Amino acid sequence: MRYLSTRGDEPDLGFNDVLLAGLANDGGLYVPERWPTLVTPSTARTYVERAVEVMLPFVEPDLDEATLTRLCTEAYGTFRHPAVVPLIQIDHRLWIQELFHGPTLAFKDVALQLVGRMFDHVLAERGQRVTIVGATSGDTGSAAIDAVAGCENVDIVIFYPLGRTSDVQRRQMTTVDQPNAHAVAVEGTFDDCQDLVKAMFNDVEFRRRNNLSAVNSINWARVMAQIVYYVTAAEVFSEAVTFSVPTGNFGNVLAGWIAREMGAPINDFVIASNTNDILTRFINDGDMSTRGVVPTLSPSMDIQVSSNFERLLFEMNGRDGGMTAEQLMQFRARGSLELEPDQREQFITGHFRAAAFDDAATLAEIARVRDETGMLLDPHSATGTAAARELCGGDQSTSPVVALATAHPAKFPDAVERATGCSVGLPDHLANLFDLEERTQTVVNDLGAVEALVEQLVSR
């Protein structure tokens, strides 16, 4: 398998080079040259075995089957549920897929526990060291730090928006006592953090001097690993399924779209947003225009610029990298993006539906699910069940709907208690989180200051 940049101005690469590069030198995101077809019928009996079947075409020949099997076994051995991503039915046609049983209680663990091990394996083979820089709206940072903390061949610096994560999310990053792991607060929003990371990659001299790499969902390996749970969930049912996906950066739902392209039995996708509803406005009205980021109870979706939409846009443009680059340049300049009617008809209509919920509606949904099922949802997952109920509950179809539960409710205890009156404690492995000392710094939203800090941290 070879990989192309969505902006069309870079040579194609193999998987290992794409893994370590993260972002292409032309500013684009890497995508496979083709979508492979799923192995069916599968002989897999476990999540690990199906993961290997799904991902092997993307990584060969750089990683062989034995190596991928070992890395998957190690990665998913860290999850607290034997099914890794269990499905739980909560009404006659709605299921919850719990993606939060990994070490940091968020769906990002599904990809990053594997990606971290891939990094260490490839770097050890090559005798290289990299500096991972990443932006987080809350969950990616802790999952990435947990995945690579202590790795001999990696330094990691994660930037998060000051005051815009939950206390649990922040502490999961700032209490990790490893010399190669650093969490830095930026005086700005997640979009500011994301822009700084992209700017560091686009500073070619800085990028090469520090051997930068990325674990945000701009890294193809992140999206690749997330394809698997769509495949395994869809294959449980005897008919095609709809997925309801809480998403801000478009990476999670994009993985589902790819799973369907590969042959997974999926009808369509419901996108769930909070007040920062750019994706909902785009899906419903064609309005891809940025507005100010509003802090909400679901901070991981407090995003206006959805990086992974670029990969779908590349497909919409017939894989024309020049056209994609031009559209994204205009989007940055104008703060809005327009698609041709035939593009919407081919790629959006009938494929995606969307709904957005403010904090009050999110709290009401947490309370409703608790009252009707006894299940506690975090505020991100609650937007997913609310969207499923709003958009899939009124028709006469009995086809199954799977809502993705993207975080453990203990990551957002204040919102859960406010909605239900129930306190929710951290699992045993994180019980002492609030007793640990925090290690963090704050930096202004300035590229020069951020680059200077990165070099200071990784030179120690």
Protein backbone atom coordinates (compact mmCIF):
# COMPACT_ATOMS: atom_id res chain seq x y z
CA MET A 1 0.00 0.00 0.00
CA ARG A 2 1.21 3.47 -0.92
CA TYR A 3 -0.07 6.77 0.45
CA LEU A 4 -0.85 10.09 -1.23
CA SER A 5 -1.09 13.63 0.14
CA THR A 6 -4.51 15.26 -0.10
CA ARG A 7 -2.82 18.35 -1.52
CA GLY A 8 -1.09 16.44 -4.29
CA ASP A 9 2.39 17.93 -4.06
CA GLU A 10 4.34 15.14 -2.33
CA PRO A 11 5.67 11.77 -3.50
CA ASP A 12 3.79 8.68 -2.37
CA LEU A 13 5.08 6.89 0.75
CA GLY A 14 4.80 3.52 2.46
CA PHE A 15 3.02 3.01 5.75
CA ASN A 16 5.99 3.37 8.12
CA ASP A 17 7.03 6.69 6.58
CA VAL A 18 3.43 7.96 6.78
CA LEU A 19 3.21 6.84 10.41
CA LEU A 20 6.31 8.83 11.38
CA ALA A 21 5.57 11.85 9.19
CA GLY A 22 2.01 12.51 10.37
CA LEU A 23 1.42 15.55 8.17
CA ALA A 24 2.72 15.74 4.59
CA ASN A 25 5.31 18.38 3.78
CA ASP A 26 2.82 20.17 1.52
CA GLY A 27 0.44 20.55 4.48
CA GLY A 28 -1.85 17.76 3.32
CA LEU A 29 -3.06 14.61 5.05
CA TYR A 30 -2.04 11.17 3.87
CA VAL A 31 -4.63 8.76 2.46
CA PRO A 32 -4.22 5.27 0.99
CA GLU A 33 -3.97 5.02 -2.79
CA ARG A 34 -7.09 2.81 -2.69
CA TRP A 35 -9.62 1.41 -0.22
CA PRO A 36 -9.07 -2.35 0.24
CA THR A 37 -12.01 -4.75 0.43
CA LEU A 38 -12.80 -6.36 3.78
CA VAL A 39 -12.01 -10.03 4.25
CA THR A 40 -15.43 -11.73 4.30
CA PRO A 41 -16.52 -13.97 5.71
CA SER A 42 -14.12 -13.38 8.55
CA THR A 43 -12.68 -16.25 10.53
CA ALA A 44 -11.74 -13.93 13.41
CA ARG A 45 -12.93 -14.94 16.87
CA THR A 46 -11.57 -11.93 18.80
CA TYR A 47 -11.31 -8.19 18.38
CA VAL A 48 -7.54 -8.53 17.91
CA GLU A 49 -7.93 -11.07 15.13
CA ARG A 50 -10.46 -8.92 13.24
CA ALA A 51 -8.29 -5.84 13.75
CA VAL A 52 -5.39 -7.61 12.09
CA GLU A 53 -7.57 -8.66 9.14
CA VAL A 54 -8.92 -5.12 8.67
CA MET A 55 -5.61 -3.27 9.00
CA LEU A 56 -3.13 -5.64 7.35
CA PRO A 57 -3.76 -4.37 3.78
CA PHE A 58 -2.97 -0.82 4.97
CA VAL A 59 0.39 -1.68 6.57
CA GLU A 60 1.91 -4.38 4.36
CA PRO A 61 4.70 -4.85 3.46
CA ASP A 62 6.12 -2.42 6.05
CA LEU A 63 4.58 -4.41 8.91
CA ASP A 64 4.01 -8.14 8.46
CA GLU A 65 1.09 -10.09 9.92
CA ALA A 66 3.07 -11.48 12.87
CA THR A 67 4.26 -8.02 13.90
CA LEU A 68 0.81 -6.46 13.55
CA THR A 69 -0.70 -9.31 15.58
CA ARG A 70 1.84 -8.79 18.36
CA LEU A 71 1.26 -5.02 18.46
CA CYS A 72 -2.55 -5.42 18.49
CA THR A 73 -2.37 -8.06 21.21
CA GLU A 74 -0.26 -5.78 23.41
CA ALA A 75 -2.41 -2.71 22.71
CA TYR A 76 -5.81 -4.25 23.37
CA GLY A 77 -4.50 -6.20 26.33
CA THR A 78 -4.54 -2.86 28.17
CA PHE A 79 -8.36 -2.62 27.95
CA ARG A 80 -10.46 -3.46 30.99
CA HIS A 81 -13.27 -5.23 29.08
CA PRO A 82 -12.62 -8.57 27.36
CA ALA A 83 -14.64 -7.47 24.32
CA VAL A 84 -12.47 -4.31 24.07
CA VAL A 85 -15.40 -2.25 22.63
CA PRO A 86 -18.59 -3.96 23.90
CA LEU A 87 -22.08 -3.37 22.49
CA ILE A 88 -24.93 -2.80 24.95
CA GLN A 89 -28.58 -2.65 23.88
CA ILE A 90 -30.60 0.10 25.57
CA ASP A 91 -33.89 -0.07 23.66
CA HIS A 92 -35.54 -2.07 20.87
CA ARG A 93 -33.28 -0.66 18.14
CA LEU A 94 -30.54 1.41 19.83
CA TRP A 95 -27.23 0.01 20.97
CA ILE A 96 -24.33 1.75 22.71
CA GLN A 97 -20.80 0.82 21.69
CA GLU A 98 -18.57 1.56 24.67
CA LEU A 99 -15.22 2.79 23.38
CA PHE A 100 -13.88 3.95 26.74
CA HIS A 101 -12.46 0.82 28.37
CA GLY A 102 -8.84 1.74 27.63
CA PRO A 103 -6.32 3.19 30.10
CA THR A 104 -7.46 6.85 29.81
CA LEU A 105 -11.22 6.17 29.56
CA ALA A 106 -11.71 7.61 26.07
CA PHE A 107 -12.18 6.28 22.54
CA LYS A 108 -8.78 7.71 21.56
CA ASP A 109 -7.18 4.77 23.40
CA VAL A 110 -8.50 2.36 20.76
CA ALA A 111 -6.15 3.91 18.22
CA LEU A 112 -3.38 5.37 20.33
CA GLN A 113 -2.52 2.29 22.38
CA LEU A 114 -1.73 0.67 19.03
CA VAL A 115 -0.15 3.70 17.36
CA GLY A 116 2.23 4.26 20.28
CA ARG A 117 3.49 0.69 19.95
CA MET A 118 3.83 1.11 16.19
CA PHE A 119 5.97 4.18 16.74
CA ASP A 120 8.29 2.43 19.15
CA HIS A 121 8.62 -0.62 16.88
CA VAL A 122 9.45 1.34 13.72
CA LEU A 123 11.78 3.78 15.48
CA ALA A 124 13.68 0.96 17.18
CA GLU A 125 14.14 -0.77 13.83
CA ARG A 126 15.46 2.43 12.27
CA GLY A 127 17.51 3.61 15.24
CA GLN A 128 15.69 6.97 15.19
CA ARG A 129 14.03 9.29 17.69
CA VAL A 130 11.09 11.63 17.08
CA THR A 131 9.38 14.51 18.82
CA ILE A 132 5.61 14.11 18.77
CA VAL A 133 3.69 17.38 18.96
CA GLY A 134 -0.07 17.30 19.26
CA ALA A 135 -3.11 19.42 20.00
CA THR A 136 -5.93 18.15 22.16
CA SER A 137 -9.41 19.26 23.06
CA GLY A 138 -9.19 16.93 26.03
CA ASP A 139 -8.93 13.22 25.28
CA THR A 140 -6.28 12.83 22.57
CA GLY A 141 -3.59 14.34 24.79
CA SER A 142 -3.99 11.98 27.71
CA ALA A 143 -4.35 8.96 25.43
CA ALA A 144 -1.25 9.92 23.45
CA ILE A 145 0.84 10.58 26.54
CA ASP A 146 -0.22 7.30 28.11
CA ALA A 147 0.60 5.46 24.89
CA VAL A 148 4.18 6.75 24.57
CA ALA A 149 5.22 7.83 28.08
CA GLY A 150 8.46 6.06 28.87
CA CYS A 151 9.15 5.07 25.24
CA GLU A 152 12.86 5.18 24.61
CA ASN A 153 12.56 6.66 21.11
CA VAL A 154 9.90 9.34 21.57
CA ASP A 155 9.51 12.77 23.18
CA ILE A 156 5.94 14.06 23.30
CA VAL A 157 4.63 17.62 23.78
CA ILE A 158 0.85 18.02 23.94
CA PHE A 159 -0.86 21.42 23.75
CA TYR A 160 -4.29 21.90 25.31
CA PRO A 161 -6.51 25.02 25.57
CA LEU A 162 -6.10 26.70 28.95
CA GLY A 163 -9.22 26.25 31.11
CA ARG A 164 -11.17 24.41 28.40
CA THR A 165 -10.74 20.77 29.44
CA SER A 166 -12.28 18.96 32.36
CA ASP A 167 -10.19 18.56 35.52
CA VAL A 168 -9.88 14.83 34.90
CA GLN A 169 -8.79 15.34 31.31
CA ARG A 170 -6.17 17.89 32.33
CA ARG A 171 -4.80 15.84 35.20
CA GLN A 172 -4.49 12.74 33.05
CA MET A 173 -1.97 14.74 31.01
CA THR A 174 -0.25 16.81 33.65
CA THR A 175 0.35 14.15 36.33
CA VAL A 176 2.33 11.75 34.13
CA ASP A 177 5.81 11.69 35.66
CA GLN A 178 7.97 10.66 32.71
CA PRO A 179 10.87 12.75 31.40
CA ASN A 180 9.77 12.35 27.77
CA ALA A 181 6.16 13.56 28.33
CA HIS A 182 5.12 17.22 28.48
CA ALA A 183 1.68 18.88 28.67
CA VAL A 184 1.46 22.59 27.84
CA ALA A 185 -1.55 24.91 28.21
CA VAL A 186 -2.10 27.43 25.40
CA GLU A 187 -3.85 30.74 26.00
CA GLY A 188 -6.50 30.09 23.36
CA THR A 189 -8.94 27.52 21.95
CA PHE A 190 -8.42 24.02 20.61
CA ASP A 191 -8.45 25.46 17.09
CA ASP A 192 -5.54 27.71 18.15
CA CYS A 193 -3.66 24.66 19.45
CA GLN A 194 -4.37 22.78 16.24
CA ASP A 195 -3.19 25.72 14.12
CA LEU A 196 0.05 25.93 16.10
CA VAL A 197 0.77 22.24 15.55
CA LYS A 198 0.13 22.53 11.81
CA ALA A 199 2.32 25.65 11.66
CA MET A 200 5.17 23.77 13.32
CA PHE A 201 4.92 21.07 10.69
CA ASN A 202 4.84 23.68 7.93
CA ASP A 203 8.03 25.27 9.32
CA VAL A 204 10.27 22.89 7.38
CA GLU A 205 13.52 23.80 9.13
CA PHE A 206 11.99 23.45 12.60
CA ARG A 207 10.27 20.22 11.61
CA ARG A 208 13.48 18.63 10.36
CA ARG A 209 15.64 19.92 13.18
CA ASN A 210 13.35 18.36 15.79
CA ASN A 211 12.25 15.33 13.73
CA LEU A 212 8.58 16.14 14.32
CA SER A 213 5.80 13.60 14.19
CA ALA A 214 2.09 13.64 15.07
CA VAL A 215 -0.47 11.44 16.81
CA ASN A 216 -3.50 13.68 16.25
CA SER A 217 -6.03 12.30 13.81
CA ILE A 218 -4.06 14.06 11.08
CA ASN A 219 -1.93 10.89 11.39
CA TRP A 220 -3.43 8.25 9.11
CA ALA A 221 -2.68 5.45 11.58
CA ARG A 222 -5.15 6.99 14.05
CA VAL A 223 -8.01 6.85 11.56
CA MET A 224 -6.99 3.38 10.37
CA ALA A 225 -7.24 1.87 13.84
CA GLN A 226 -10.69 3.38 14.37
CA ILE A 227 -12.09 1.69 11.25
CA VAL A 228 -12.01 -1.62 13.11
CA TYR A 229 -14.72 -0.92 15.70
CA TYR A 230 -17.17 0.12 13.00
CA VAL A 231 -16.51 -3.16 11.21
CA THR A 232 -16.89 -5.33 14.31
CA ALA A 233 -20.08 -3.56 15.43
CA ALA A 234 -21.72 -3.64 11.99
CA GLU A 235 -21.00 -7.36 11.61
CA VAL A 236 -22.96 -8.19 14.76
CA PHE A 237 -26.26 -7.46 13.02
CA SER A 238 -28.13 -9.29 10.27
CA GLU A 239 -28.88 -6.05 8.43
CA ALA A 240 -27.13 -2.78 7.67
CA VAL A 241 -26.74 -0.39 10.59
CA THR A 242 -26.75 3.36 11.21
CA PHE A 243 -24.02 4.85 13.42
CA SER A 244 -24.58 7.96 15.54
CA VAL A 245 -21.21 9.59 16.17
CA PRO A 246 -20.31 12.49 18.50
CA THR A 247 -17.63 14.31 16.54
CA GLY A 248 -15.90 17.66 16.26
CA ASN A 249 -12.79 16.97 14.21
CA PHE A 250 -14.53 14.58 11.77
CA GLY A 251 -11.92 11.83 12.26
CA ASN A 252 -14.18 9.42 14.10
CA VAL A 253 -17.03 9.51 11.61
CA LEU A 254 -14.55 9.47 8.71
CA ALA A 255 -13.27 6.11 9.96
CA GLY A 256 -16.83 4.82 9.73
CA TRP A 257 -17.22 6.17 6.20
CA ILE A 258 -14.04 4.31 5.20
CA ALA A 259 -15.33 1.11 6.82
CA ARG A 260 -18.41 1.38 4.60
CA GLU A 261 -16.22 2.01 1.53
CA MET A 262 -14.39 -1.21 2.40
CA GLY A 263 -17.65 -3.15 2.46
CA ALA A 264 -18.94 -2.98 6.04
CA PRO A 265 -22.76 -3.24 6.12
CA ILE A 266 -23.51 0.36 7.12
CA ASN A 267 -26.52 2.43 5.97
CA ASP A 268 -25.50 5.93 6.95
CA PHE A 269 -24.09 8.15 9.69
CA VAL A 270 -25.64 10.59 12.13
CA ILE A 271 -23.26 13.34 13.21
CA ALA A 272 -23.86 14.70 16.71
CA SER A 273 -22.56 18.16 17.61
CA ASN A 274 -22.80 20.55 20.53
CA THR A 275 -23.23 24.33 20.31
CA ASN A 276 -20.12 24.42 18.12
CA ASP A 277 -22.21 23.07 15.28
CA ILE A 278 -20.20 23.70 12.10
CA LEU A 279 -20.54 20.08 10.98
CA THR A 280 -24.28 20.02 11.62
CA ARG A 281 -24.75 23.27 9.72
CA PHE A 282 -22.70 21.92 6.85
CA ILE A 283 -24.53 18.59 6.62
CA ASN A 284 -28.00 20.11 6.93
CA ASP A 285 -27.64 23.45 5.17
CA GLY A 286 -24.34 23.43 3.27
CA ASP A 287 -23.03 26.10 5.67
CA MET A 288 -19.35 25.36 6.31
CA SER A 289 -18.52 28.68 7.96
CA THR A 290 -16.49 29.22 11.12
CA ARG A 291 -17.76 31.05 14.16
CA GLY A 292 -16.24 31.71 17.57
CA VAL A 293 -15.67 28.63 19.69
CA VAL A 294 -18.14 28.42 22.58
CA PRO A 295 -17.03 26.52 25.73
CA THR A 296 -19.46 23.71 26.51
CA LEU A 297 -19.93 20.72 28.81
CA SER A 298 -18.58 18.53 25.98
CA PRO A 299 -15.20 20.22 25.45
CA SER A 300 -13.72 17.60 23.14
CA MET A 301 -16.17 18.83 20.48
CA ASP A 302 -15.47 22.54 21.00
CA ILE A 303 -13.98 22.82 17.51
CA GLN A 304 -14.68 24.94 14.44
CA VAL A 305 -12.02 23.69 11.99
CA SER A 306 -12.47 19.95 11.43
CA SER A 307 -9.09 18.75 10.15
CA ASN A 308 -10.19 15.35 8.92
CA PHE A 309 -12.84 16.80 6.65
CA GLU A 310 -9.92 17.39 4.28
CA ARG A 311 -9.71 13.65 3.60
CA LEU A 312 -13.37 13.49 2.57
CA LEU A 313 -13.01 16.69 0.54
CA PHE A 314 -10.15 15.04 -1.36
CA GLU A 315 -12.52 12.20 -2.29
CA MET A 316 -15.23 14.70 -3.26
CA ASN A 317 -12.74 16.36 -5.61
CA GLY A 318 -11.98 13.12 -7.42
CA ARG A 319 -8.65 12.94 -5.55
CA ASP A 320 -7.50 16.19 -7.16
CA GLY A 321 -4.91 17.51 -4.68
CA GLY A 322 -4.54 20.89 -6.36
CA MET A 323 -8.27 21.56 -6.18
CA THR A 324 -8.34 20.46 -2.54
CA ALA A 325 -5.41 22.72 -1.62
CA GLU A 326 -7.05 25.69 -3.34
CA GLN A 327 -10.38 25.16 -1.56
CA LEU A 328 -8.69 24.89 1.83
CA MET A 329 -6.66 28.03 1.20
CA GLN A 330 -9.89 29.88 0.42
CA PHE A 331 -11.52 28.39 3.53
CA ARG A 332 -8.70 29.76 5.67
CA ALA A 333 -8.92 33.16 4.04
CA ARG A 334 -12.71 33.51 4.05
CA GLY A 335 -13.74 31.30 6.96
CA SER A 336 -16.20 29.46 4.73
CA LEU A 337 -16.25 26.63 2.21
CA GLU A 338 -18.77 25.91 -0.53
CA LEU A 339 -19.30 22.66 -2.38
CA GLU A 340 -20.82 22.05 -5.79
CA PRO A 341 -24.38 20.65 -5.72
CA ASP A 342 -23.27 17.41 -7.38
CA GLN A 343 -20.62 16.90 -4.68
CA ARG A 344 -23.24 17.23 -1.93
CA GLU A 345 -25.56 14.88 -3.79
CA GLN A 346 -22.87 12.23 -4.24
CA PHE A 347 -21.13 12.37 -0.86
CA ILE A 348 -23.43 14.02 1.72
CA THR A 349 -27.10 13.50 0.88
CA GLY A 350 -28.22 10.07 2.00
CA HIS A 351 -24.88 9.37 3.65
CA PHE A 352 -24.80 11.81 6.58
CA ARG A 353 -27.46 13.33 8.81
CA ALA A 354 -26.72 15.70 11.68
CA ALA A 355 -28.13 17.33 14.82
CA ALA A 356 -26.71 19.67 17.44
CA PHE A 357 -27.52 20.01 21.14
CA ASP A 358 -26.73 22.78 23.58
CA ASP A 359 -25.71 22.13 27.20
CA ALA A 360 -29.29 22.12 28.48
CA ALA A 361 -30.35 19.52 25.93
CA THR A 362 -27.24 17.46 26.67
CA LEU A 363 -27.97 17.44 30.40
CA ALA A 364 -31.58 16.49 29.70
CA GLU A 365 -30.40 13.55 27.59
CA ILE A 366 -28.01 12.32 30.29
CA ALA A 367 -30.91 12.42 32.75
CA ARG A 368 -33.32 10.70 30.33
CA VAL A 369 -30.95 7.81 29.61
CA ARG A 370 -30.21 7.39 33.32
CA ASP A 371 -33.92 7.34 34.20
CA GLU A 372 -34.90 4.93 31.41
CA THR A 373 -31.94 2.53 31.38
CA GLY A 374 -29.84 3.12 34.50
CA MET A 375 -26.83 3.91 32.31
CA LEU A 376 -24.68 6.99 32.92
CA LEU A 377 -23.40 8.76 29.82
CA ASP A 378 -20.77 11.45 29.56
CA PRO A 379 -21.88 14.69 27.83
CA HIS A 380 -20.23 13.78 24.50
CA SER A 381 -21.85 10.36 24.30
CA ALA A 382 -25.19 11.92 25.27
CA THR A 383 -25.20 14.04 22.11
CA GLY A 384 -24.88 10.77 20.18
CA THR A 385 -27.91 9.13 21.77
CA ALA A 386 -29.88 12.38 21.50
CA ALA A 387 -29.11 12.62 17.78
CA ALA A 388 -30.07 8.98 17.28
CA ARG A 389 -33.38 9.55 19.05
CA GLU A 390 -34.12 12.76 17.13
CA LEU A 391 -33.17 11.57 13.66
CA CYS A 392 -33.77 7.81 13.80
CA GLY A 393 -36.64 7.48 16.25
CA GLY A 394 -39.56 8.81 14.28
CA ASP A 395 -39.50 6.61 11.20
CA GLN A 396 -40.98 3.15 10.81
CA SER A 397 -37.68 1.39 10.20
CA THR A 398 -36.57 -1.21 12.68
CA SER A 399 -32.98 -1.32 11.45
CA PRO A 400 -30.40 -1.07 14.25
CA VAL A 401 -28.71 2.15 15.35
CA VAL A 402 -25.38 2.14 17.18
CA ALA A 403 -24.45 5.26 19.17
CA LEU A 404 -20.77 5.56 20.03
CA ALA A 405 -19.97 6.19 23.71
CA THR A 406 -16.71 8.07 23.38
CA ALA A 407 -15.75 8.68 27.02
CA HIS A 408 -16.34 7.25 30.48
CA PRO A 409 -18.75 9.38 32.55
CA ALA A 410 -16.07 9.69 35.26
CA LYS A 411 -14.12 12.00 32.96
CA PHE A 412 -16.92 14.57 33.29
CA PRO A 413 -18.30 14.01 36.80
CA ASP A 414 -19.61 17.55 37.29
CA ALA A 415 -21.86 17.38 34.23
CA VAL A 416 -23.09 13.90 35.12
CA GLU A 417 -23.91 14.89 38.69
CA ARG A 418 -25.59 18.09 37.54
CA ALA A 419 -27.81 16.07 35.20
CA THR A 420 -28.63 13.11 37.42
CA GLY A 421 -27.62 13.88 41.00
CA CYS A 422 -25.37 10.81 40.80
CA SER A 423 -21.70 11.05 41.67
CA VAL A 424 -19.41 8.91 39.55
CA GLY A 425 -16.00 7.84 40.73
CA LEU A 426 -12.88 7.07 38.76
CA PRO A 427 -11.93 3.43 38.16
CA ASP A 428 -9.41 1.95 40.56
CA HIS A 429 -6.41 2.50 38.29
CA LEU A 430 -7.07 6.27 38.34
CA ALA A 431 -8.39 6.57 41.90
CA ASN A 432 -5.40 8.64 43.09
CA LEU A 433 -5.45 11.05 40.12
CA PHE A 434 -6.31 14.09 42.25
CA ASP A 435 -3.54 13.29 44.73
CA LEU A 436 -0.76 13.48 42.14
CA GLU A 437 1.36 16.55 41.45
CA GLU A 438 0.69 18.36 38.18
CA ARG A 439 3.51 19.19 35.76
CA THR A 440 2.50 21.78 33.18
CA GLN A 441 3.38 25.15 31.69
CA THR A 442 1.38 27.90 30.02
CA VAL A 443 2.39 29.52 26.74
CA VAL A 444 0.94 32.40 24.74
CA ASN A 445 -0.72 31.71 21.40
CA ASP A 446 2.38 32.57 19.39
CA LEU A 447 4.30 30.25 17.06
CA GLY A 448 7.72 31.59 17.99
CA ALA A 449 7.08 31.15 21.70
CA VAL A 450 5.69 27.65 21.19
CA GLU A 451 8.58 26.49 19.02
CA ALA A 452 11.11 27.84 21.52
CA LEU A 453 9.35 25.98 24.33
CA VAL A 454 9.27 22.70 22.38
CA GLU A 455 13.01 22.87 21.75
CA GLN A 456 13.64 23.70 25.39
CA LEU A 457 11.57 20.76 26.62
CA VAL A 458 12.98 18.10 24.31
CA SER A 459 16.61 19.17 24.79
CA ARG A 460 16.57 18.26 28.48
